[in-house]
Amino acid sequence: MLPDRPTNLVPPVLAKMAAWCGCLILVGVVVYYFVQVIAGLTFVALPVAIALLLTALLFPLTNALRNAGMRPIYATWITMLVALAVLAGTGWLVGARASEEFPNLVRQVQETARSVQEWLISGPLQLEEAQIIGYVDEIVDMVNAQRTAITGTVLSAGAVAFEVLASIVLLLFVTFFLLKDGDRIWAWFLRAFGGVAPRVDRAGRAAWTTLSHYVQGTVAVAAVHGLIMGFVLAGMGVPLWAPLAVLIFFASFIPIVGIFFAGTVATLVTLGAKGLIFALIFLGILIVEQQLENHVLQPLIVGRALNFHPLAIILVLAVGGILAGIAGAAVAVPVAAVIYRALPELRSRPPALPPPDDMSPV
């Protein structure tokens, strides 16, 4: 009877709650230290994470070349060269357009500033020119006061340039070998799980399918978004429309936060170059297009792979941003989607084998 006395003193519901709390605390401690290890290895973890996303985007091309009879090494090299050619061409286009249109942007901003100054003097505000000059001088003084901080930031950015270059090299190497030997690497990884390898295999394949759908769908949606906004900016005659379209494209990979930042930059450039009316028109088109993207393109292309509620996306973005800044916000949604799809496969049992046929020969 003695072994049962402590149990009888605790209600069954409280005992179950205590057991669940103990398990949750243990899992929380493991997750916390795992996150700390990843945070300490950001130099390696971030390039590997980006390489996984790039692999999910580029693997259909590599797989198509393999199915056409090409050796894996050649298919991988062609895929990498095509990707680098696209990036180089985009960079050249952005740089050429920026160098060509930047003087025009400066001229248009100066004209807009003069018109605003005239409106402030002769408009309903009836400001004096001396007041406007005083406001401008205050802004200049604020910028000069922050010059030391800006210079220090530039110097610190130059100090980490080598680390960024090393991360890019690591990213390219990881992407290359994942494209070339991804199936062999996965088979080698499964050997460590013994009898539960089939469950891990199913979970990994479900996670990879979700990640592939997310990356490919997000690229498609971002491309549509960037093209539409690029045509709008070009139609308005806004300078630097090509770099702004590329900025909107890349910002679309960060849900909610990215488009807010890119839209703000594009609106400010439109305001400085074309005035308030064009800036309001562009902002209205951007809001309408963003709503169409959220309610039409995202559910049709990406929503089927994720099936996340907007509140869940916002919470995941907040957690990722707090833990790892902009990079964490960029990878938070695909990581959450992968975990969400992989866990059921880990918990489920393998399908039962059909019963043996008694009439079959022994």
Protein backbone atom coordinates (compact mmCIF):
# COMPACT_ATOMS: atom_id res chain seq x y z
CA MET A 1 0.00 0.00 0.00
CA LEU A 2 2.84 2.37 0.63
CA PRO A 3 3.80 2.82 -3.02
CA ASP A 4 0.21 3.86 -3.80
CA ARG A 5 -0.12 6.50 -1.04
CA PRO A 6 1.77 9.34 -2.83
CA THR A 7 -0.25 8.68 -5.99
CA ASN A 8 -3.55 8.66 -4.14
CA LEU A 9 -2.73 11.99 -2.52
CA VAL A 10 -2.61 13.69 -5.97
CA PRO A 11 -5.74 13.93 -8.16
CA PRO A 12 -5.32 12.17 -11.53
CA VAL A 13 -5.89 15.39 -13.48
CA LEU A 14 -3.16 17.19 -11.53
CA ALA A 15 -0.80 14.24 -12.02
CA LYS A 16 -1.36 14.34 -15.77
CA MET A 17 -0.85 18.12 -15.84
CA ALA A 18 2.38 17.74 -13.87
CA ALA A 19 3.61 15.10 -16.31
CA TRP A 20 2.78 17.32 -19.29
CA CYS A 21 4.45 20.33 -17.64
CA GLY A 22 7.59 18.29 -16.97
CA CYS A 23 7.71 17.18 -20.61
CA LEU A 24 7.12 20.72 -21.88
CA ILE A 25 9.86 22.11 -19.63
CA LEU A 26 12.28 19.48 -20.87
CA VAL A 27 11.40 20.16 -24.51
CA GLY A 28 11.66 23.91 -23.88
CA VAL A 29 15.14 23.55 -22.40
CA VAL A 30 16.29 21.42 -25.35
CA VAL A 31 14.82 23.88 -27.88
CA TYR A 32 16.38 26.83 -26.05
CA TYR A 33 19.88 25.38 -26.09
CA PHE A 34 19.42 24.25 -29.69
CA VAL A 35 18.49 27.82 -30.68
CA GLN A 36 21.50 29.14 -28.77
CA VAL A 37 23.79 26.77 -30.65
CA ILE A 38 22.29 27.84 -33.98
CA ALA A 39 22.63 31.51 -33.01
CA GLY A 40 26.28 30.94 -32.16
CA LEU A 41 26.81 29.30 -35.55
CA THR A 42 25.05 31.98 -37.60
CA PHE A 43 28.10 32.21 -39.86
CA VAL A 44 27.38 28.61 -40.95
CA ALA A 45 23.66 28.20 -40.25
CA LEU A 46 22.47 31.16 -42.35
CA PRO A 47 24.33 30.18 -45.57
CA VAL A 48 23.12 26.59 -45.16
CA ALA A 49 19.51 27.77 -44.71
CA ILE A 50 19.72 29.98 -47.80
CA ALA A 51 21.36 27.13 -49.71
CA LEU A 52 18.41 24.87 -48.87
CA LEU A 53 16.01 27.50 -50.24
CA LEU A 54 18.08 27.90 -53.40
CA THR A 55 18.26 24.15 -53.83
CA ALA A 56 14.49 23.87 -53.55
CA LEU A 57 14.19 26.55 -56.24
CA LEU A 58 16.82 25.19 -58.64
CA PHE A 59 16.32 21.45 -58.23
CA PRO A 60 13.50 21.16 -60.84
CA LEU A 61 15.95 22.31 -63.53
CA THR A 62 18.63 19.89 -62.35
CA ASN A 63 16.12 17.05 -62.17
CA ALA A 64 14.84 17.82 -65.68
CA LEU A 65 18.39 17.73 -67.06
CA ARG A 66 19.02 14.41 -65.29
CA ASN A 67 15.84 12.92 -66.69
CA ALA A 68 16.99 14.00 -70.13
CA GLY A 69 20.00 11.71 -69.73
CA MET A 70 22.62 14.18 -68.52
CA ARG A 71 25.09 13.15 -65.83
CA PRO A 72 24.46 14.69 -62.37
CA ILE A 73 27.72 16.67 -62.38
CA TYR A 74 26.95 18.30 -65.72
CA ALA A 75 23.31 18.96 -64.81
CA THR A 76 24.44 20.63 -61.60
CA TRP A 77 27.02 22.80 -63.33
CA ILE A 78 24.52 23.96 -65.95
CA THR A 79 21.98 24.80 -63.25
CA MET A 80 24.51 26.81 -61.26
CA LEU A 81 25.71 28.68 -64.35
CA VAL A 82 22.15 29.54 -65.38
CA ALA A 83 21.41 30.86 -61.88
CA LEU A 84 24.61 32.94 -61.82
CA ALA A 85 23.87 34.28 -65.31
CA VAL A 86 20.40 35.41 -64.21
CA LEU A 87 21.82 37.12 -61.11
CA ALA A 88 24.62 38.77 -63.09
CA GLY A 89 22.23 39.98 -65.78
CA THR A 90 19.86 41.40 -63.18
CA GLY A 91 22.74 43.15 -61.41
CA TRP A 92 24.02 44.60 -64.66
CA LEU A 93 20.55 45.87 -65.60
CA VAL A 94 20.04 47.46 -62.21
CA GLY A 95 23.50 49.05 -62.21
CA ALA A 96 23.20 50.37 -65.75
CA ARG A 97 19.75 51.85 -65.16
CA ALA A 98 20.84 53.36 -61.84
CA SER A 99 23.92 55.07 -63.30
CA GLU A 100 21.89 56.35 -66.24
CA GLU A 101 18.86 57.66 -64.36
CA PHE A 102 20.34 58.86 -61.08
CA PRO A 103 21.24 62.35 -62.42
CA ASN A 104 17.69 62.66 -63.72
CA LEU A 105 16.36 61.70 -60.29
CA VAL A 106 18.51 64.37 -58.62
CA ARG A 107 17.24 66.99 -61.07
CA GLN A 108 13.61 66.02 -60.54
CA VAL A 109 14.01 66.02 -56.76
CA GLN A 110 15.48 69.52 -56.93
CA GLU A 111 12.56 70.71 -59.04
CA THR A 112 10.09 69.12 -56.62
CA ALA A 113 11.87 70.76 -53.68
CA ARG A 114 11.67 74.18 -55.36
CA SER A 115 7.96 73.73 -56.10
CA VAL A 116 7.32 72.69 -52.50
CA GLN A 117 9.28 75.69 -51.27
CA GLU A 118 7.22 78.02 -53.47
CA TRP A 119 4.00 76.43 -52.21
CA LEU A 120 5.08 76.85 -48.58
CA ILE A 121 5.79 80.54 -49.19
CA SER A 122 2.83 81.47 -51.44
CA GLY A 123 0.36 78.81 -50.27
CA PRO A 124 -1.97 78.77 -47.31
CA LEU A 125 0.86 78.32 -44.80
CA GLN A 126 2.47 81.66 -45.80
CA LEU A 127 5.86 80.72 -44.40
CA GLU A 128 8.79 83.04 -44.73
CA GLU A 129 11.85 82.02 -46.69
CA ALA A 130 14.03 82.52 -43.62
CA GLN A 131 11.94 79.97 -41.72
CA ILE A 132 12.31 77.38 -44.47
CA ILE A 133 16.05 77.96 -44.62
CA GLY A 134 16.17 77.52 -40.84
CA TYR A 135 14.36 74.18 -41.07
CA VAL A 136 16.74 73.00 -43.79
CA ASP A 137 19.74 74.07 -41.70
CA GLU A 138 18.39 72.09 -38.74
CA ILE A 139 18.11 68.98 -40.89
CA VAL A 140 21.65 69.47 -42.19
CA ASP A 141 22.94 69.91 -38.62
CA MET A 142 21.21 66.67 -37.57
CA VAL A 143 22.85 64.81 -40.45
CA ASN A 144 26.26 66.26 -39.59
CA ALA A 145 25.77 65.30 -35.94
CA GLN A 146 25.20 61.71 -37.00
CA ARG A 147 28.14 61.69 -39.38
CA THR A 148 30.42 60.00 -36.85
CA ALA A 149 27.90 57.24 -36.23
CA ILE A 150 27.37 56.79 -39.96
CA THR A 151 31.12 56.63 -40.57
CA GLY A 152 31.51 54.05 -37.81
CA THR A 153 28.75 51.97 -39.32
CA VAL A 154 30.42 52.07 -42.73
CA LEU A 155 33.75 51.06 -41.22
CA SER A 156 32.17 48.19 -39.29
CA ALA A 157 30.42 47.09 -42.47
CA GLY A 158 33.76 47.05 -44.23
CA ALA A 159 35.22 44.96 -41.44
CA VAL A 160 32.66 42.19 -41.98
CA ALA A 161 33.00 42.22 -45.79
CA PHE A 162 35.36 39.24 -45.62
CA GLU A 163 32.86 37.26 -43.54
CA VAL A 164 30.10 38.03 -46.05
CA LEU A 165 32.31 36.87 -48.91
CA ALA A 166 33.15 33.66 -47.06
CA SER A 167 29.44 33.07 -46.39
CA ILE A 168 28.67 33.46 -50.09
CA VAL A 169 31.37 30.96 -51.01
CA LEU A 170 30.01 28.50 -48.43
CA LEU A 171 26.49 29.05 -49.74
CA LEU A 172 27.57 28.23 -53.31
CA PHE A 173 29.42 25.08 -52.22
CA VAL A 174 26.49 23.80 -50.15
CA THR A 175 24.02 24.52 -52.96
CA PHE A 176 26.22 22.74 -55.50
CA PHE A 177 26.59 19.56 -53.47
CA LEU A 178 22.92 19.50 -52.46
CA LEU A 179 21.93 19.68 -56.12
CA LYS A 180 24.46 17.05 -57.13
CA ASP A 181 24.35 14.56 -54.23
CA GLY A 182 21.19 15.45 -52.32
CA ASP A 183 19.71 11.94 -52.51
CA ARG A 184 22.97 10.31 -51.40
CA ILE A 185 23.37 12.80 -48.52
CA TRP A 186 19.81 12.07 -47.39
CA ALA A 187 20.37 8.29 -47.53
CA TRP A 188 23.54 8.68 -45.46
CA PHE A 189 21.66 10.84 -42.96
CA LEU A 190 18.90 8.23 -42.52
CA ARG A 191 21.37 5.55 -41.43
CA ALA A 192 21.73 7.24 -38.04
CA PHE A 193 18.04 6.61 -37.13
CA GLY A 194 17.95 2.84 -37.30
CA GLY A 195 14.44 1.43 -36.94
CA VAL A 196 12.71 4.84 -37.09
CA ALA A 197 14.39 5.73 -40.38
CA PRO A 198 11.15 5.17 -42.39
CA ARG A 199 9.31 7.75 -40.29
CA VAL A 200 12.17 10.22 -40.59
CA ASP A 201 12.26 9.57 -44.33
CA ARG A 202 8.54 10.32 -44.72
CA ALA A 203 8.84 13.44 -42.57
CA GLY A 204 11.83 14.66 -44.54
CA ARG A 205 10.13 14.11 -47.88
CA ALA A 206 6.97 15.90 -46.69
CA ALA A 207 9.12 18.79 -45.42
CA TRP A 208 11.04 18.97 -48.69
CA THR A 209 7.83 19.01 -50.74
CA THR A 210 6.44 21.83 -48.59
CA LEU A 211 9.67 23.81 -48.84
CA SER A 212 9.82 23.38 -52.62
CA HIS A 213 6.22 24.52 -53.08
CA TYR A 214 6.79 27.48 -50.79
CA VAL A 215 9.97 28.68 -52.50
CA GLN A 216 8.72 28.21 -56.05
CA GLY A 217 5.34 29.77 -55.26
CA THR A 218 6.94 32.71 -53.46
CA VAL A 219 9.29 33.37 -56.38
CA ALA A 220 6.35 33.32 -58.80
CA VAL A 221 4.29 35.72 -56.66
CA ALA A 222 7.29 38.02 -56.09
CA ALA A 223 8.03 38.09 -59.83
CA VAL A 224 4.44 39.08 -60.65
CA HIS A 225 4.54 41.74 -57.93
CA GLY A 226 7.85 43.18 -59.11
CA LEU A 227 6.81 43.23 -62.78
CA ILE A 228 3.50 44.98 -62.12
CA MET A 229 5.07 47.63 -59.90
CA GLY A 230 7.93 48.05 -62.38
CA PHE A 231 5.50 48.71 -65.23
CA VAL A 232 3.59 51.19 -63.04
CA LEU A 233 6.76 53.09 -62.13
CA ALA A 234 7.99 53.08 -65.73
CA GLY A 235 4.60 54.30 -66.97
CA MET A 236 4.74 57.19 -64.51
CA GLY A 237 8.22 58.10 -65.71
CA VAL A 238 9.81 57.57 -62.29
CA PRO A 239 13.62 57.34 -62.46
CA LEU A 240 15.27 54.18 -61.14
CA TRP A 241 12.14 52.15 -61.88
CA ALA A 242 14.18 49.02 -62.67
CA PRO A 243 16.14 49.01 -59.38
CA LEU A 244 12.91 49.73 -57.49
CA ALA A 245 11.17 46.81 -59.22
CA VAL A 246 14.05 44.50 -58.25
CA LEU A 247 13.89 45.82 -54.68
CA ILE A 248 10.15 45.05 -54.55
CA PHE A 249 10.83 41.57 -55.95
CA PHE A 250 13.40 40.68 -53.28
CA ALA A 251 11.41 42.37 -50.50
CA SER A 252 8.42 40.17 -51.34
CA PHE A 253 10.30 37.20 -49.86
CA ILE A 254 9.84 38.73 -46.40
CA PRO A 255 6.07 38.66 -45.74
CA ILE A 256 4.39 41.89 -44.59
CA VAL A 257 7.61 43.61 -43.44
CA GLY A 258 9.42 43.41 -46.79
CA ILE A 259 6.73 44.96 -48.93
CA PHE A 260 6.20 47.71 -46.35
CA PHE A 261 9.88 48.67 -46.58
CA ALA A 262 10.11 48.43 -50.39
CA GLY A 263 6.80 50.24 -50.87
CA THR A 264 7.96 53.06 -48.61
CA VAL A 265 11.19 53.49 -50.57
CA ALA A 266 9.39 53.43 -53.94
CA THR A 267 6.75 55.90 -52.72
CA LEU A 268 9.39 58.31 -51.41
CA VAL A 269 11.29 58.17 -54.71
CA THR A 270 8.05 58.81 -56.60
CA LEU A 271 7.24 61.68 -54.25
CA GLY A 272 10.64 63.27 -54.76
CA ALA A 273 10.68 62.78 -58.53
CA LYS A 274 7.07 63.33 -59.61
CA GLY A 275 5.31 65.05 -56.75
CA LEU A 276 2.53 64.29 -54.30
CA ILE A 277 -0.20 63.35 -56.81
CA PHE A 278 1.88 60.66 -58.52
CA ALA A 279 3.06 59.36 -55.16
CA LEU A 280 -0.54 58.97 -53.95
CA ILE A 281 -1.52 57.25 -57.20
CA PHE A 282 1.39 54.84 -56.90
CA LEU A 283 0.59 54.15 -53.24
CA GLY A 284 -3.03 53.40 -54.12
CA ILE A 285 -2.02 51.01 -56.91
CA LEU A 286 0.48 49.33 -54.58
CA ILE A 287 -2.16 48.78 -51.89
CA VAL A 288 -4.70 47.39 -54.37
CA GLU A 289 -2.13 45.10 -55.99
CA GLN A 290 -0.93 43.91 -52.59
CA GLN A 291 -4.49 43.04 -51.58
CA LEU A 292 -5.01 41.10 -54.82
CA GLU A 293 -1.75 39.28 -54.17
CA ASN A 294 -2.71 38.40 -50.60
CA HIS A 295 -6.24 37.24 -51.44
CA VAL A 296 -5.77 35.72 -54.91
CA LEU A 297 -2.17 34.82 -55.80
CA GLN A 298 -0.94 33.75 -52.37
CA PRO A 299 -3.87 31.38 -51.63
CA LEU A 300 -3.75 29.88 -55.12
CA ILE A 301 0.02 29.44 -55.41
CA VAL A 302 1.50 29.35 -51.90
CA GLY A 303 -1.52 28.81 -49.65
CA ARG A 304 -2.01 25.20 -50.66
CA ALA A 305 1.47 24.31 -49.48
CA LEU A 306 1.31 26.22 -46.17
CA ASN A 307 -2.36 26.59 -45.21
CA PHE A 308 -1.34 29.08 -42.49
CA HIS A 309 -3.68 31.62 -40.96
CA PRO A 310 -2.44 35.25 -41.29
CA LEU A 311 -2.25 35.50 -37.49
CA ALA A 312 0.07 32.49 -37.41
CA ILE A 313 2.26 34.10 -40.08
CA ILE A 314 2.48 37.36 -38.11
CA LEU A 315 3.41 35.54 -34.89
CA VAL A 316 6.02 33.42 -36.68
CA LEU A 317 7.49 36.55 -38.30
CA ALA A 318 7.66 38.28 -34.91
CA VAL A 319 9.46 35.34 -33.29
CA GLY A 320 11.88 35.00 -36.20
CA GLY A 321 12.61 38.72 -36.23
CA ILE A 322 13.25 38.82 -32.48
CA LEU A 323 15.57 35.81 -32.60
CA ALA A 324 17.55 36.60 -35.75
CA GLY A 325 16.53 39.98 -37.15
CA ILE A 326 15.68 40.36 -40.85
CA ALA A 327 17.25 37.01 -41.74
CA GLY A 328 15.13 35.29 -39.10
CA ALA A 329 11.97 36.93 -40.42
CA ALA A 330 12.83 35.80 -43.95
CA VAL A 331 13.21 32.11 -43.03
CA ALA A 332 10.68 31.95 -40.19
CA VAL A 333 7.63 31.11 -42.33
CA PRO A 334 9.22 28.27 -44.37
CA VAL A 335 10.78 26.79 -41.21
CA ALA A 336 7.42 26.83 -39.42
CA ALA A 337 5.71 25.30 -42.46
CA VAL A 338 8.32 22.54 -42.70
CA ILE A 339 7.94 21.67 -39.01
CA TYR A 340 4.15 21.78 -39.28
CA ARG A 341 4.17 19.30 -42.18
CA ALA A 342 6.91 17.03 -40.85
CA LEU A 343 5.58 16.42 -37.33
CA PRO A 344 2.47 14.44 -38.40
CA GLU A 345 4.66 12.12 -40.49
CA LEU A 346 6.94 11.53 -37.51
CA ARG A 347 3.98 10.62 -35.31
CA SER A 348 2.11 8.45 -37.82
CA ARG A 349 2.75 4.76 -38.17
CA PRO A 350 3.84 3.20 -41.47
CA PRO A 351 1.05 1.64 -43.53
CA ALA A 352 0.39 -1.98 -42.70
CA LEU A 353 1.72 -4.56 -45.12
CA PRO A 354 -0.86 -6.71 -46.95
CA PRO A 355 -1.38 -10.19 -45.46
CA PRO A 356 0.66 -12.97 -47.08
CA ASP A 357 -1.07 -15.08 -49.70
CA ASP A 358 -1.54 -18.62 -48.37
CA MET A 359 -1.62 -19.98 -51.92
CA SER A 360 1.75 -18.52 -52.81
CA PRO A 361 4.58 -21.06 -53.18
CA VAL A 362 7.00 -21.33 -50.33
